[in-house]
Protein backbone atom coordinates (compact mmCIF):
# COMPACT_ATOMS: atom_id res chain seq x y z
CA MET A 1 -65.65 57.07 -48.94
CA ASN A 2 -63.04 57.67 -46.13
CA GLU A 3 -59.38 57.09 -47.32
CA GLU A 4 -58.81 54.26 -46.21
CA THR A 5 -62.04 52.45 -48.28
CA GLN A 6 -61.00 54.66 -51.28
CA SER A 7 -57.22 53.02 -50.80
CA ASP A 8 -58.77 49.67 -50.80
CA GLN A 9 -60.70 49.98 -53.31
CA ARG A 10 -58.49 50.52 -55.27
CA GLU A 11 -55.85 48.22 -54.73
CA THR A 12 -58.76 45.88 -55.50
CA GLU A 13 -59.01 47.39 -59.10
CA ALA A 14 -55.72 47.30 -60.12
CA GLU A 15 -55.71 43.35 -59.35
CA ALA A 16 -58.83 43.19 -61.17
CA SER A 17 -57.67 45.12 -63.93
CA GLN A 18 -54.08 42.89 -63.75
CA ALA A 19 -56.43 39.99 -64.10
CA GLY A 20 -58.11 40.78 -66.83
CA VAL A 21 -61.52 41.53 -65.45
CA ALA A 22 -63.87 44.10 -64.97
CA PRO A 23 -63.96 45.92 -61.46
CA VAL A 24 -66.96 44.21 -59.73
CA ALA A 25 -68.02 46.53 -56.92
CA GLU A 26 -69.12 44.82 -53.79
CA THR A 27 -72.15 45.93 -52.37
CA ARG A 28 -72.73 46.99 -48.60
CA ASP A 29 -75.24 44.00 -48.23
CA GLU A 30 -72.66 41.66 -50.09
CA GLU A 31 -69.85 42.49 -48.15
CA MET A 32 -71.76 42.53 -45.20
CA GLU A 33 -73.19 39.27 -45.76
CA ARG A 34 -68.98 37.94 -46.36
CA LEU A 35 -68.07 38.54 -43.04
CA ARG A 36 -70.96 37.54 -41.78
CA THR A 37 -70.20 33.77 -43.21
CA ALA A 38 -66.27 34.31 -42.39
CA ALA A 39 -67.09 35.48 -38.89
CA GLU A 40 -69.50 32.03 -38.22
CA GLU A 41 -66.57 29.57 -40.07
CA ALA A 42 -64.49 31.57 -37.31
CA ASP A 43 -67.16 30.72 -34.63
CA LYS A 44 -67.21 27.13 -36.00
CA ARG A 45 -63.27 26.62 -36.22
CA VAL A 46 -63.18 27.92 -32.12
CA LEU A 47 -65.93 25.55 -31.25
CA LEU A 48 -64.37 22.22 -33.06
CA ALA A 49 -60.73 23.17 -31.59
CA GLN A 50 -62.66 23.76 -27.95
CA ALA A 51 -64.12 20.02 -28.39
CA GLU A 52 -60.90 18.36 -29.86
CA ALA A 53 -58.70 19.95 -26.60
CA GLU A 54 -61.76 18.98 -23.98
CA ASN A 55 -61.44 15.49 -25.79
CA THR A 56 -57.79 15.35 -25.71
CA ARG A 57 -57.78 16.08 -22.06
CA LYS A 58 -60.62 13.30 -21.38
CA ARG A 59 -58.19 10.56 -23.38
CA VAL A 60 -55.15 11.66 -21.49
CA ARG A 61 -57.11 11.70 -18.03
CA ARG A 62 -58.59 7.79 -18.80
CA ASP A 63 -54.79 7.17 -19.69
CA PHE A 64 -53.55 8.29 -16.71
CA GLU A 65 -56.15 6.12 -14.68
CA ASP A 66 -55.56 3.00 -16.72
CA ARG A 67 -51.90 3.46 -15.90
CA LEU A 68 -52.39 3.42 -11.94
CA LYS A 69 -55.03 1.09 -12.26
CA PHE A 70 -53.07 -1.51 -13.69
CA ALA A 71 -49.62 -0.67 -12.73
CA ALA A 72 -49.48 -3.64 -10.17
CA VAL A 73 -49.80 -6.06 -12.95
CA PRO A 74 -46.29 -6.97 -13.86
CA LEU A 75 -45.73 -7.89 -9.75
CA ILE A 76 -49.13 -9.22 -9.55
CA ILE A 77 -47.95 -11.47 -12.39
CA ASP A 78 -44.32 -12.65 -10.78
CA LEU A 79 -46.04 -13.31 -7.66
CA LEU A 80 -48.74 -15.54 -9.59
CA GLU A 81 -45.22 -17.77 -10.36
CA VAL A 82 -44.50 -17.68 -6.82
CA ARG A 83 -48.35 -19.13 -5.70
CA ASP A 84 -48.29 -21.25 -8.17
CA ASN A 85 -44.72 -22.97 -6.46
CA LEU A 86 -46.68 -22.92 -3.12
CA LEU A 87 -49.28 -25.22 -3.94
CA ARG A 88 -46.99 -27.00 -6.16
CA ALA A 89 -45.20 -27.42 -2.72
CA ILE A 90 -48.49 -28.71 -1.36
CA GLU A 91 -48.94 -31.24 -3.65
CA ALA A 92 -45.70 -32.98 -3.15
CA THR A 93 -46.37 -32.90 0.63
CA GLN A 94 -49.67 -35.05 -0.37
CA SER A 95 -47.48 -37.45 -1.78
CA SER A 96 -44.60 -37.92 -0.17
CA GLU A 97 -43.72 -38.05 3.35
CA ASP A 98 -40.22 -36.77 2.91
CA THR A 99 -40.23 -33.64 4.58
CA ALA A 100 -36.91 -32.91 3.64
CA GLY A 101 -37.36 -32.11 0.52
CA LEU A 102 -40.40 -29.92 1.31
CA GLN A 103 -38.27 -28.18 3.61
CA GLU A 104 -35.88 -27.44 0.03
CA GLY A 105 -38.78 -26.54 -2.00
CA VAL A 106 -40.66 -23.68 0.61
CA ALA A 107 -36.92 -22.67 0.75
CA MET A 108 -36.75 -22.19 -3.01
CA VAL A 109 -40.44 -20.35 -3.52
CA ALA A 110 -39.10 -18.18 -0.57
CA LYS A 111 -36.14 -17.13 -1.94
CA GLN A 112 -38.06 -16.54 -5.17
CA LEU A 113 -40.28 -14.29 -3.65
CA ASP A 114 -37.36 -12.30 -2.26
CA ASP A 115 -36.32 -12.01 -5.84
CA THR A 116 -39.58 -10.73 -7.56
CA PHE A 117 -39.34 -8.53 -4.81
CA ALA A 118 -36.33 -7.00 -5.11
CA LYS A 119 -36.97 -6.58 -8.81
CA HIS A 120 -39.94 -4.35 -7.52
CA GLY A 121 -37.70 -2.46 -5.89
CA VAL A 122 -38.88 -3.74 -2.69
CA ARG A 123 -36.21 -4.27 -0.07
CA GLU A 124 -36.01 -5.99 3.83
CA ILE A 125 -35.37 -2.90 5.95
CA PRO A 126 -32.59 -4.50 8.49
CA ALA A 127 -33.40 -4.16 12.15
CA GLU A 128 -31.73 -6.85 14.29
CA GLY A 129 -28.71 -5.67 16.28
CA GLU A 130 -29.24 -1.47 14.62
CA LEU A 131 -29.73 1.48 16.65
CA PHE A 132 -33.90 1.61 16.77
CA ASP A 133 -35.13 4.88 14.33
CA PRO A 134 -39.11 5.56 14.56
CA ASN A 135 -39.02 5.96 10.71
CA PHE A 136 -37.88 1.86 10.07
CA HIS A 137 -39.11 0.20 13.15
CA GLU A 138 -42.21 0.14 15.64
CA ALA A 139 -41.33 -0.85 18.89
CA ILE A 140 -43.86 -3.45 20.17
CA SER A 141 -41.94 -3.74 23.39
CA GLN A 142 -38.78 -3.16 25.85
CA MET A 143 -36.47 -5.32 27.59
CA PRO A 144 -33.60 -5.47 29.14
CA SER A 145 -30.33 -7.16 27.69
CA GLU A 146 -26.93 -7.51 27.16
CA GLN A 147 -27.15 -4.80 24.18
CA ALA A 148 -26.69 -1.03 25.16
CA ALA A 149 -30.12 1.05 25.53
CA GLY A 150 -32.17 2.21 22.00
CA ILE A 151 -30.54 -1.14 19.88
CA VAL A 152 -33.19 -3.76 18.26
CA THR A 153 -33.06 -7.15 20.06
CA HIS A 154 -35.30 -9.44 18.35
CA VAL A 155 -36.93 -8.43 15.37
CA ALA A 156 -41.15 -10.02 15.53
CA ALA A 157 -41.86 -8.71 12.05
CA SER A 158 -39.77 -8.13 9.11
CA GLY A 159 -40.31 -4.61 7.97
CA PHE A 160 -40.01 -3.20 3.81
CA GLN A 161 -39.21 0.06 1.87
CA MET A 162 -40.44 0.41 -1.73
CA HIS A 163 -37.70 2.63 -3.85
CA ASP A 164 -36.89 4.24 -0.13
CA ARG A 165 -40.68 4.49 1.24
CA VAL A 166 -40.86 2.19 4.14
CA VAL A 167 -44.19 -0.14 3.25
CA ARG A 168 -44.37 -1.83 6.43
CA PRO A 169 -41.70 -0.86 9.27
CA SER A 170 -40.38 -3.16 11.31
CA GLN A 171 -42.13 -4.85 14.57
CA VAL A 172 -39.15 -4.69 16.85
CA VAL A 173 -38.61 -5.54 20.26
CA VAL A 174 -35.90 -2.55 21.64
CA SER A 175 -32.91 -3.21 24.75
CA SER A 176 -33.73 -0.82 27.81
CA GLY A 177 -29.74 -1.48 28.83
CA PRO A 178 -28.50 -4.34 31.10
CA ALA A 179 -30.88 -5.66 33.69
CA GLU A 180 -30.04 -4.43 37.52
């Protein structure tokens, strides 16, 4: 026996004698079986930990995909309320000859829609009278006007941005300067 094994055996015998138990020497086969069992248990724990980590990874990925898929639900709920009001306005036109009431109702729905957009971080891009900026405006035409060259003179379709990202650029007519 080497010196380390003898030291371990003496410690085991000392512990056994303190506990009042006669020391039992472990045979080589018993020691091999004990070590084999310990190694198998360690392998099982490693496999369980790996399986748990993989399951956690899959659950986190699935949760992220669900959040991404349903991120627009609050916006959709708010827009459905606007749709309901538009349908009510259409019903009102069928039962009434009063167009002033219809105009007022549709104006209220348009304001509700603008408020819903603002609630979700969507705002209109200012364009008319502004200097043309290709980051926010899309020029659909260029015409001579009293305005200086490069100034937006007409907005064909309003542009919008959401949280400082352009969702749709404003479609504009740009001045080419005074006519000659």
